[in-house]
PDB file of N, CA and C in Angstrom:
ATOM      1  N   MET A   1       0.840  -1.166   0.000  1.00  0.00           N
ATOM      2  CA  MET A   1       0.000   0.000   0.000  1.00  0.00           C
ATOM      3  C   MET A   1       0.894   1.242   0.000  1.00  0.00           C
ATOM      4  N   ARG A   2       0.548   2.206  -0.834  1.00  0.00           N
ATOM      5  CA  ARG A   2       1.362   3.435  -0.973  1.00  0.00           C
ATOM      6  C   ARG A   2       0.929   4.437   0.083  1.00  0.00           C
ATOM      7  N   HIS A   3       1.899   5.082   0.686  1.00  0.00           N
ATOM      8  CA  HIS A   3       1.617   6.143   1.649  1.00  0.00           C
ATOM      9  C   HIS A   3       1.862   7.483   0.965  1.00  0.00           C
ATOM     10  N   PHE A   4       0.931   8.401   1.168  1.00  0.00           N
ATOM     11  CA  PHE A   4       1.034   9.712   0.533  1.00  0.00           C
ATOM     12  C   PHE A   4       1.712  10.693   1.475  1.00  0.00           C
ATOM     13  N   SER A   5       2.497  11.568   0.866  1.00  0.00           N
ATOM     14  CA  SER A   5       3.189  12.578   1.676  1.00  0.00           C
ATOM     15  C   SER A   5       2.196  13.662   2.096  1.00  0.00           C
ATOM     16  N   HIS A   6       2.614  14.447   3.083  1.00  0.00           N
ATOM     17  CA  HIS A   6       1.767  15.554   3.535  1.00  0.00           C
ATOM     18  C   HIS A   6       1.524  16.552   2.402  1.00  0.00           C
ATOM     19  N   ASP A   7       2.535  16.770   1.559  1.00  0.00           N
ATOM     20  CA  ASP A   7       2.364  17.685   0.415  1.00  0.00           C
ATOM     21  C   ASP A   7       1.327  17.154  -0.571  1.00  0.00           C
ATOM     22  N   GLU A   8       1.352  15.858  -0.848  1.00  0.00           N
ATOM     23  CA  GLU A   8       0.390  15.264  -1.765  1.00  0.00           C
ATOM     24  C   GLU A   8      -1.035  15.353  -1.198  1.00  0.00           C
ATOM     25  N   ILE A   9      -1.161  15.048   0.076  1.00  0.00           N
ATOM     26  CA  ILE A   9      -2.469  15.127   0.739  1.00  0.00           C
ATOM     27  C   ILE A   9      -2.969  16.568   0.730  1.00  0.00           C
ATOM     28  N   GLY A  10      -2.095  17.500   1.032  1.00  0.00           N
ATOM     29  CA  GLY A  10      -2.472  18.924   1.028  1.00  0.00           C
ATOM     30  C   GLY A  10      -2.915  19.382  -0.348  1.00  0.00           C
ATOM     31  N   PHE A  11      -2.183  18.944  -1.382  1.00  0.00           N
ATOM     32  CA  PHE A  11      -2.538  19.318  -2.746  1.00  0.00           C
ATOM     33  C   PHE A  11      -3.934  18.798  -3.110  1.00  0.00           C
ATOM     34  N   VAL A  12      -4.215  17.542  -2.807  1.00  0.00           N
ATOM     35  CA  VAL A  12      -5.516  16.949  -3.111  1.00  0.00           C
ATOM     36  C   VAL A  12      -6.619  17.665  -2.334  1.00  0.00           C
ATOM     37  N   GLN A  13      -6.338  18.050  -1.102  1.00  0.00           N
ATOM     38  CA  GLN A  13      -7.330  18.768  -0.302  1.00  0.00           C
ATOM     39  C   GLN A  13      -7.650  20.131  -0.920  1.00  0.00           C
ATOM     40  N   VAL A  14      -6.625  20.829  -1.408  1.00  0.00           N
ATOM     41  CA  VAL A  14      -6.838  22.128  -2.045  1.00  0.00           C
ATOM     42  C   VAL A  14      -7.659  21.961  -3.317  1.00  0.00           C
ATOM     43  N   VAL A  15      -7.313  20.965  -4.138  1.00  0.00           N
ATOM     44  CA  VAL A  15      -8.046  20.715  -5.381  1.00  0.00           C
ATOM     45  C   VAL A  15      -9.503  20.360  -5.064  1.00  0.00           C
ATOM     46  N   ALA A  16      -9.723  19.530  -4.063  1.00  0.00           N
ATOM     47  CA  ALA A  16     -11.088  19.137  -3.679  1.00  0.00           C
ATOM     48  C   ALA A  16     -11.875  20.351  -3.194  1.00  0.00           C
ATOM     49  N   SER A  17     -11.219  21.214  -2.442  1.00  0.00           N
ATOM     50  CA  SER A  17     -11.879  22.424  -1.946  1.00  0.00           C
ATOM     51  C   SER A  17     -12.266  23.336  -3.111  1.00  0.00           C
ATOM     52  N   GLN A  18     -11.365  23.489  -4.076  1.00  0.00           N
ATOM     53  CA  GLN A  18     -11.664  24.327  -5.239  1.00  0.00           C
ATOM     54  C   GLN A  18     -12.779  23.720  -6.084  1.00  0.00           C
ATOM     55  N   ALA A  19     -12.778  22.410  -6.221  1.00  0.00           N
ATOM     56  CA  ALA A  19     -13.840  21.740  -6.975  1.00  0.00           C
ATOM     57  C   ALA A  19     -15.184  21.940  -6.279  1.00  0.00           C
ATOM     58  N   ALA A  20     -15.208  21.833  -4.966  1.00  0.00           N
ATOM     59  CA  ALA A  20     -16.448  22.038  -4.210  1.00  0.00           C
ATOM     60  C   ALA A  20     -16.947  23.468  -4.396  1.00  0.00           C
ATOM     61  N   SER A  21     -16.026  24.429  -4.391  1.00  0.00           N
ATOM     62  CA  SER A  21     -16.410  25.826  -4.606  1.00  0.00           C
ATOM     63  C   SER A  21     -16.964  26.033  -6.008  1.00  0.00           C
ATOM     64  N   ALA A  22     -16.347  25.420  -6.997  1.00  0.00           N
ATOM     65  CA  ALA A  22     -16.814  25.550  -8.381  1.00  0.00           C
ATOM     66  C   ALA A  22     -18.200  24.930  -8.535  1.00  0.00           C
ATOM     67  N   ILE A  23     -18.432  23.795  -7.916  1.00  0.00           N
ATOM     68  CA  ILE A  23     -19.744  23.144  -7.986  1.00  0.00           C
ATOM     69  C   ILE A  23     -20.801  24.023  -7.326  1.00  0.00           C
ATOM     70  N   GLU A  24     -20.486  24.588  -6.167  1.00  0.00           N
ATOM     71  CA  GLU A  24     -21.431  25.464  -5.476  1.00  0.00           C
ATOM     72  C   GLU A  24     -21.707  26.721  -6.296  1.00  0.00           C
ATOM     73  N   ASN A  25     -20.687  27.292  -6.908  1.00  0.00           N
ATOM     74  CA  ASN A  25     -20.883  28.471  -7.764  1.00  0.00           C
ATOM     75  C   ASN A  25     -21.773  28.148  -8.958  1.00  0.00           C
ATOM     76  N   ALA A  26     -21.572  26.993  -9.553  1.00  0.00           N
ATOM     77  CA  ALA A  26     -22.407  26.582 -10.687  1.00  0.00           C
ATOM     78  C   ALA A  26     -23.855  26.408 -10.235  1.00  0.00           C
ATOM     79  N   ARG A  27     -24.068  25.817  -9.069  1.00  0.00           N
ATOM     80  CA  ARG A  27     -25.424  25.647  -8.537  1.00  0.00           C
ATOM     81  C   ARG A  27     -26.080  26.996  -8.297  1.00  0.00           C
ATOM     82  N   LEU A  28     -25.322  27.913  -7.714  1.00  0.00           N
ATOM     83  CA  LEU A  28     -25.868  29.253  -7.451  1.00  0.00           C
ATOM     84  C   LEU A  28     -26.179  30.002  -8.746  1.00  0.00           C
ATOM     85  N   MET A  29     -25.339  29.853  -9.755  1.00  0.00           N
ATOM     86  CA  MET A  29     -25.590  30.504 -11.049  1.00  0.00           C
ATOM     87  C   MET A  29     -26.865  29.940 -11.685  1.00  0.00           C
ATOM     88  N   THR A  30     -27.021  28.637 -11.633  1.00  0.00           N
ATOM     89  CA  THR A  30     -28.218  28.003 -12.185  1.00  0.00           C
ATOM     90  C   THR A  30     -29.457  28.495 -11.454  1.00  0.00           C
ATOM     91  N   GLU A  31     -29.383  28.546 -10.136  1.00  0.00           N
ATOM     92  CA  GLU A  31     -30.508  29.024  -9.328  1.00  0.00           C
ATOM     93  C   GLU A  31     -30.831  30.478  -9.654  1.00  0.00           C
ATOM     94  N   THR A  32     -29.801  31.295  -9.819  1.00  0.00           N
ATOM     95  CA  THR A  32     -30.002  32.707 -10.151  1.00  0.00           C
ATOM     96  C   THR A  32     -30.663  32.861 -11.512  1.00  0.00           C
ATOM     97  N   LEU A  33     -30.210  32.104 -12.501  1.00  0.00           N
ATOM     98  CA  LEU A  33     -30.811  32.165 -13.833  1.00  0.00           C
ATOM     99  C   LEU A  33     -32.261  31.714 -13.817  1.00  0.00           C
ATOM    100  N   GLU A  34     -32.560  30.677 -13.048  1.00  0.00           N
ATOM    101  CA  GLU A  34     -33.941  30.207 -12.941  1.00  0.00           C
ATOM    102  C   GLU A  34     -34.824  31.276 -12.303  1.00  0.00           C
ATOM    103  N   MET A  35     -34.316  31.928 -11.282  1.00  0.00           N
ATOM    104  CA  MET A  35     -35.083  32.982 -10.618  1.00  0.00           C
ATOM    105  C   MET A  35     -35.276  34.174 -11.555  1.00  0.00           C
ATOM    106  N   LYS A  36     -34.261  34.491 -12.340  1.00  0.00           N
ATOM    107  CA  LYS A  36     -34.366  35.594 -13.298  1.00  0.00           C
ATOM    108  C   LYS A  36     -35.429  35.282 -14.352  1.00  0.00           C
ATOM    109  N   ARG A  37     -35.418  34.055 -14.870  1.00  0.00           N
ATOM    110  CA  ARG A  37     -36.428  33.653 -15.855  1.00  0.00           C
ATOM    111  C   ARG A  37     -37.833  33.707 -15.256  1.00  0.00           C
ATOM    112  N   ALA A  38     -37.961  33.227 -14.029  1.00  0.00           N
ATOM    113  CA  ALA A  38     -39.273  33.238 -13.367  1.00  0.00           C
ATOM    114  C   ALA A  38     -39.768  34.672 -13.179  1.00  0.00           C
ATOM    115  N   LEU A  39     -38.865  35.576 -12.832  1.00  0.00           N
ATOM    116  CA  LEU A  39     -39.248  36.982 -12.665  1.00  0.00           C
ATOM    117  C   LEU A  39     -39.666  37.594 -13.995  1.00  0.00           C
ATOM    118  N   GLU A  40     -38.952  37.271 -15.064  1.00  0.00           N
ATOM    119  CA  GLU A  40     -39.315  37.779 -16.393  1.00  0.00           C
ATOM    120  C   GLU A  40     -40.707  37.298 -16.799  1.00  0.00           C
ATOM    121  N   VAL A  41     -40.982  36.018 -16.540  1.00  0.00           N
ATOM    122  CA  VAL A  41     -42.305  35.468 -16.868  1.00  0.00           C
ATOM    123  C   VAL A  41     -43.371  36.168 -16.040  1.00  0.00           C
ATOM    124  N   ARG A  42     -43.078  36.366 -14.778  1.00  0.00           N
ATOM    125  CA  ARG A  42     -44.059  37.026 -13.904  1.00  0.00           C
ATOM    126  C   ARG A  42     -44.361  38.442 -14.388  1.00  0.00           C
ATOM    127  N   LYS A  43     -43.315  39.164 -14.798  1.00  0.00           N
ATOM    128  CA  LYS A  43     -43.521  40.525 -15.320  1.00  0.00           C
ATOM    129  C   LYS A  43     -44.405  40.509 -16.564  1.00  0.00           C
ATOM    130  N   LEU A  44     -44.137  39.564 -17.478  1.00  0.00           N
ATOM    131  CA  LEU A  44     -44.938  39.457 -18.695  1.00  0.00           C
ATOM    132  C   LEU A  44     -46.389  39.117 -18.370  1.00  0.00           C
ATOM    133  N   VAL A  45     -46.591  38.173 -17.460  1.00  0.00           N
ATOM    134  CA  VAL A  45     -47.946  37.773 -17.087  1.00  0.00           C
ATOM    135  C   VAL A  45     -48.673  38.940 -16.429  1.00  0.00           C
ATOM    136  N   GLU A  46     -47.987  39.674 -15.572  1.00  0.00           N
ATOM    137  CA  GLU A  46     -48.607  40.831 -14.920  1.00  0.00           C
ATOM    138  C   GLU A  46     -49.028  41.880 -15.952  1.00  0.00           C
ATOM    139  N   ARG A  47     -48.159  42.122 -16.921  1.00  0.00           N
ATOM    140  CA  ARG A  47     -48.478  43.107 -17.962  1.00  0.00           C
ATOM    141  C   ARG A  47     -49.673  42.630 -18.802  1.00  0.00           C
ATOM    142  N   ALA A  48     -49.658  41.357 -19.169  1.00  0.00           N
ATOM    143  CA  ALA A  48     -50.769  40.796 -19.959  1.00  0.00           C
ATOM    144  C   ALA A  48     -52.069  40.844 -19.158  1.00  0.00           C
ATOM    145  N   LYS A  49     -51.997  40.545 -17.870  1.00  0.00           N
ATOM    146  CA  LYS A  49     -53.197  40.627 -17.029  1.00  0.00           C
ATOM    147  C   LYS A  49     -53.747  42.050 -17.026  1.00  0.00           C
ATOM    148  N   GLY A  50     -52.860  43.025 -16.910  1.00  0.00           N
ATOM    149  CA  GLY A  50     -53.294  44.416 -16.922  1.00  0.00           C
ATOM    150  C   GLY A  50     -54.005  44.782 -18.219  1.00  0.00           C
ATOM    151  N   ILE A  51     -53.471  44.308 -19.326  1.00  0.00           N
ATOM    152  CA  ILE A  51     -54.083  44.575 -20.638  1.00  0.00           C
ATOM    153  C   ILE A  51     -55.476  43.947 -20.685  1.00  0.00           C
ATOM    154  N   LEU A  52     -55.582  42.691 -20.257  1.00  0.00           N
ATOM    155  CA  LEU A  52     -56.878  42.007 -20.275  1.00  0.00           C
ATOM    156  C   LEU A  52     -57.874  42.687 -19.328  1.00  0.00           C
ATOM    157  N   GLN A  53     -57.391  43.115 -18.183  1.00  0.00           N
ATOM    158  CA  GLN A  53     -58.266  43.807 -17.233  1.00  0.00           C
ATOM    159  C   GLN A  53     -58.842  45.069 -17.871  1.00  0.00           C
ATOM    160  N   HIS A  54     -57.980  45.819 -18.512  1.00  0.00           N
ATOM    161  CA  HIS A  54     -58.396  47.087 -19.118  1.00  0.00           C
ATOM    162  C   HIS A  54     -59.350  46.865 -20.298  1.00  0.00           C
ATOM    163  N   LYS A  55     -58.987  45.939 -21.194  1.00  0.00           N
ATOM    164  CA  LYS A  55     -59.772  45.728 -22.413  1.00  0.00           C
ATOM    165  C   LYS A  55     -61.122  45.068 -22.154  1.00  0.00           C
ATOM    166  N   HIS A  56     -61.160  44.151 -21.186  1.00  0.00           N
ATOM    167  CA  HIS A  56     -62.356  43.341 -20.992  1.00  0.00           C
ATOM    168  C   HIS A  56     -63.032  43.587 -19.642  1.00  0.00           C
ATOM    169  N   ASN A  57     -62.599  44.631 -18.951  1.00  0.00           N
ATOM    170  CA  ASN A  57     -63.195  44.998 -17.660  1.00  0.00           C
ATOM    171  C   ASN A  57     -63.226  43.795 -16.702  1.00  0.00           C
ATOM    172  N   LEU A  58     -62.059  43.163 -16.532  1.00  0.00           N
ATOM    173  CA  LEU A  58     -61.933  41.987 -15.675  1.00  0.00           C
ATOM    174  C   LEU A  58     -61.242  42.349 -14.376  1.00  0.00           C
ATOM    175  N   THR A  59     -61.457  41.524 -13.361  1.00  0.00           N
ATOM    176  CA  THR A  59     -60.665  41.662 -12.141  1.00  0.00           C
ATOM    177  C   THR A  59     -59.298  41.025 -12.405  1.00  0.00           C
ATOM    178  N   GLU A  60     -58.363  41.258 -11.503  1.00  0.00           N
ATOM    179  CA  GLU A  60     -57.037  40.671 -11.656  1.00  0.00           C
ATOM    180  C   GLU A  60     -57.135  39.141 -11.670  1.00  0.00           C
ATOM    181  N   ALA A  61     -57.953  38.594 -10.773  1.00  0.00           N
ATOM    182  CA  ALA A  61     -58.114  37.138 -10.700  1.00  0.00           C
ATOM    183  C   ALA A  61     -58.741  36.592 -11.982  1.00  0.00           C
ATOM    184  N   GLU A  62     -59.736  37.287 -12.514  1.00  0.00           N
ATOM    185  CA  GLU A  62     -60.379  36.837 -13.755  1.00  0.00           C
ATOM    186  C   GLU A  62     -59.404  36.871 -14.931  1.00  0.00           C
ATOM    187  N   ALA A  63     -58.598  37.924 -14.989  1.00  0.00           N
ATOM    188  CA  ALA A  63     -57.614  38.030 -16.073  1.00  0.00           C
ATOM    189  C   ALA A  63     -56.591  36.902 -15.981  1.00  0.00           C
ATOM    190  N   TYR A  64     -56.150  36.596 -14.762  1.00  0.00           N
ATOM    191  CA  TYR A  64     -55.196  35.505 -14.573  1.00  0.00           C
ATOM    192  C   TYR A  64     -55.819  34.175 -14.990  1.00  0.00           C
ATOM    193  N   LEU A  65     -57.048  33.937 -14.544  1.00  0.00           N
ATOM    194  CA  LEU A  65     -57.718  32.681 -14.903  1.00  0.00           C
ATOM    195  C   LEU A  65     -57.895  32.550 -16.407  1.00  0.00           C
ATOM    196  N   ARG A  66     -58.203  33.657 -17.071  1.00  0.00           N
ATOM    197  CA  ARG A  66     -58.360  33.618 -18.524  1.00  0.00           C
ATOM    198  C   ARG A  66     -57.030  33.236 -19.190  1.00  0.00           C
ATOM    199  N   LEU A  67     -55.950  33.853 -18.742  1.00  0.00           N
ATOM    200  CA  LEU A  67     -54.627  33.508 -19.279  1.00  0.00           C
ATOM    201  C   LEU A  67     -54.292  32.041 -19.006  1.00  0.00           C
ATOM    202  N   ARG A  68     -54.499  31.623 -17.779  1.00  0.00           N
ATOM    203  CA  ARG A  68     -54.160  30.252 -17.403  1.00  0.00           C
ATOM    204  C   ARG A  68     -54.990  29.246 -18.192  1.00  0.00           C
ATOM    205  N   ASN A  69     -56.290  29.491 -18.293  1.00  0.00           N
ATOM    206  CA  ASN A  69     -57.156  28.545 -19.004  1.00  0.00           C
ATOM    207  C   ASN A  69     -56.823  28.474 -20.490  1.00  0.00           C
ATOM    208  N   GLU A  70     -56.537  29.619 -21.097  1.00  0.00           N
ATOM    209  CA  GLU A  70     -56.136  29.621 -22.520  1.00  0.00           C
ATOM    210  C   GLU A  70     -54.802  28.917 -22.698  1.00  0.00           C
ATOM    211  N   SER A  71     -53.900  29.127 -21.759  1.00  0.00           N
ATOM    212  CA  SER A  71     -52.602  28.465 -21.809  1.00  0.00           C
ATOM    213  C   SER A  71     -52.782  26.949 -21.795  1.00  0.00           C
ATOM    214  N   ARG A  72     -53.646  26.478 -20.944  1.00  0.00           N
ATOM    215  CA  ARG A  72     -53.916  25.035 -20.876  1.00  0.00           C
ATOM    216  C   ARG A  72     -54.631  24.544 -22.125  1.00  0.00           C
ATOM    217  N   ARG A  73     -55.634  25.298 -22.565  1.00  0.00           N
ATOM    218  CA  ARG A  73     -56.410  24.891 -23.742  1.00  0.00           C
ATOM    219  C   ARG A  73     -55.516  24.784 -24.974  1.00  0.00           C
ATOM    220  N   LEU A  74     -54.637  25.765 -25.143  1.00  0.00           N
ATOM    221  CA  LEU A  74     -53.754  25.784 -26.308  1.00  0.00           C
ATOM    222  C   LEU A  74     -52.493  24.937 -26.116  1.00  0.00           C
ATOM    223  N   ARG A  75     -52.307  24.476 -24.884  1.00  0.00           N
ATOM    224  CA  ARG A  75     -51.086  23.720 -24.529  1.00  0.00           C
ATOM    225  C   ARG A  75     -49.830  24.534 -24.846  1.00  0.00           C
ATOM    226  N   ARG A  76     -49.884  25.790 -24.446  1.00  0.00           N
ATOM    227  CA  ARG A  76     -48.759  26.706 -24.647  1.00  0.00           C
ATOM    228  C   ARG A  76     -48.361  27.273 -23.284  1.00  0.00           C
ATOM    229  N   PRO A  77     -47.095  27.566 -23.082  1.00  0.00           N
ATOM    230  CA  PRO A  77     -46.672  28.162 -21.807  1.00  0.00           C
ATOM    231  C   PRO A  77     -47.324  29.535 -21.597  1.00  0.00           C
ATOM    232  N   MET A  78     -47.548  29.877 -20.344  1.00  0.00           N
ATOM    233  CA  MET A  78     -48.131  31.174 -19.995  1.00  0.00           C
ATOM    234  C   MET A  78     -47.282  32.301 -20.578  1.00  0.00           C
ATOM    235  N   ARG A  79     -45.981  32.118 -20.584  1.00  0.00           N
ATOM    236  CA  ARG A  79     -45.086  33.150 -21.115  1.00  0.00           C
ATOM    237  C   ARG A  79     -45.440  33.459 -22.571  1.00  0.00           C
ATOM    238  N   ASP A  80     -45.618  32.411 -23.376  1.00  0.00           N
ATOM    239  CA  ASP A  80     -45.935  32.606 -24.789  1.00  0.00           C
ATOM    240  C   ASP A  80     -47.255  33.347 -24.958  1.00  0.00           C
ATOM    241  N   LEU A  81     -48.241  32.947 -24.178  1.00  0.00           N
ATOM    242  CA  LEU A  81     -49.549  33.586 -24.276  1.00  0.00           C
ATOM    243  C   LEU A  81     -49.472  35.046 -23.830  1.00  0.00           C
ATOM    244  N   ALA A  82     -48.767  35.301 -22.745  1.00  0.00           N
ATOM    245  CA  ALA A  82     -48.618  36.674 -22.258  1.00  0.00           C
ATOM    246  C   ALA A  82     -47.912  37.539 -23.303  1.00  0.00           C
ATOM    247  N   GLU A  83     -46.864  36.996 -23.918  1.00  0.00           N
ATOM    248  CA  GLU A  83     -46.155  37.744 -24.964  1.00  0.00           C
ATOM    249  C   GLU A  83     -47.085  38.043 -26.134  1.00  0.00           C
ATOM    250  N   ALA A  84     -47.946  37.099 -26.485  1.00  0.00           N
ATOM    251  CA  ALA A  84     -48.887  37.301 -27.600  1.00  0.00           C
ATOM    252  C   ALA A  84     -49.887  38.405 -27.261  1.00  0.00           C
ATOM    253  N   VAL A  85     -50.392  38.417 -26.033  1.00  0.00           N
ATOM    254  CA  VAL A  85     -51.339  39.454 -25.606  1.00  0.00           C
ATOM    255  C   VAL A  85     -50.669  40.825 -25.673  1.00  0.00           C
ATOM    256  N   ILE A  86     -49.440  40.899 -25.189  1.00  0.00           N
ATOM    257  CA  ILE A  86     -48.702  42.164 -25.183  1.00  0.00           C
ATOM    258  C   ILE A  86     -48.421  42.629 -26.606  1.00  0.00           C
ATOM    259  N   LEU A  87     -47.967  41.725 -27.464  1.00  0.00           N
ATOM    260  CA  LEU A  87     -47.681  42.065 -28.853  1.00  0.00           C
ATOM    261  C   LEU A  87     -48.940  42.549 -29.560  1.00  0.00           C
ATOM    262  N   SER A  88     -50.034  41.862 -29.353  1.00  0.00           N
ATOM    263  CA  SER A  88     -51.302  42.255 -29.963  1.00  0.00           C
ATOM    264  C   SER A  88     -51.704  43.664 -29.523  1.00  0.00           C
ATOM    265  N   ASP A  89     -51.550  43.935 -28.239  1.00  0.00           N
ATOM    266  CA  ASP A  89     -51.885  45.257 -27.715  1.00  0.00           C
ATOM    267  C   ASP A  89     -50.966  46.328 -28.308  1.00  0.00           C
ATOM    268  N   ASP A  90     -49.678  46.032 -28.396  1.00  0.00           N
ATOM    269  CA  ASP A  90     -48.726  46.980 -28.978  1.00  0.00           C
ATOM    270  C   ASP A  90     -49.067  47.268 -30.437  1.00  0.00           C
ATOM    271  N   LEU A  91     -49.391  46.218 -31.200  1.00  0.00           N
ATOM    272  CA  LEU A  91     -49.736  46.405 -32.616  1.00  0.00           C
ATOM    273  C   LEU A  91     -51.019  47.221 -32.765  1.00  0.00           C
ATOM    274  N   GLU A  92     -51.978  46.958 -31.892  1.00  0.00           N
ATOM    275  CA  GLU A  92     -53.236  47.707 -31.935  1.00  0.00           C
ATOM    276  C   GLU A  92     -52.986  49.187 -31.637  1.00  0.00           C
ATOM    277  N   LYS A  93     -52.130  49.459 -30.671  1.00  0.00           N
ATOM    278  CA  LYS A  93     -51.794  50.840 -30.332  1.00  0.00           C
ATOM    279  C   LYS A  93     -51.113  51.545 -31.491  1.00  0.00           C
ATOM    280  N   GLN A  94     -50.188  50.835 -32.162  1.00  0.00           N
ATOM    281  CA  GLN A  94     -49.483  51.427 -33.306  1.00  0.00           C
ATOM    282  C   GLN A  94     -50.443  51.711 -34.456  1.00  0.00           C
ATOM    283  N   LYS A  95     -51.410  50.840 -34.644  1.00  0.00           N
ATOM    284  CA  LYS A  95     -52.373  50.997 -35.723  1.00  0.00           C
ATOM    285  C   LYS A  95     -53.238  52.243 -35.501  1.00  0.00           C
ATOM    286  N   ASN A  96     -53.479  52.559 -34.242  1.00  0.00           N
ATOM    287  CA  ASN A  96     -54.338  53.694 -33.906  1.00  0.00           C
ATOM    288  C   ASN A  96     -53.600  55.025 -33.830  1.00  0.00           C
ATOM    289  N   ILE A  97     -52.288  55.012 -34.041  1.00  0.00           N
ATOM    290  CA  ILE A  97     -51.515  56.262 -34.030  1.00  0.00           C
ATOM    291  C   ILE A  97     -51.625  56.894 -35.403  1.00  0.00           C
ATOM    292  N   PRO A  98     -52.087  58.147 -35.470  1.00  0.00           N
ATOM    293  CA  PRO A  98     -52.177  58.825 -36.782  1.00  0.00           C
ATOM    294  C   PRO A  98     -50.786  59.069 -37.360  1.00  0.00           C
ATOM    295  N   GLU A  99     -50.685  58.889 -38.661  1.00  0.00           N
ATOM    296  CA  GLU A  99     -49.377  59.078 -39.318  1.00  0.00           C
ATOM    297  C   GLU A  99     -49.221  60.470 -39.850  1.00  0.00           C
TER     298      GLU A  99
END
């Protein structure tokens, strides 16, 4: 059986510590990106809900349910549906601007 020197053991410990730090940093980056994406989706859904509330005289809960139910019916993510509502509203606004 081979015996390792204190220098060899120390080197492996440093490498293991750095690897653990890199793994933790990668986990934190992934978590941060997921939270950023979730916040972006939430912002889009909130904006789409506001548009639906204004256009169709809905409560916030009714607008959310309409988005959610359409998302399920169409089998599309809420993000996609919210983006479509926002785009439609933007295009409608542009159409109504006199040239």
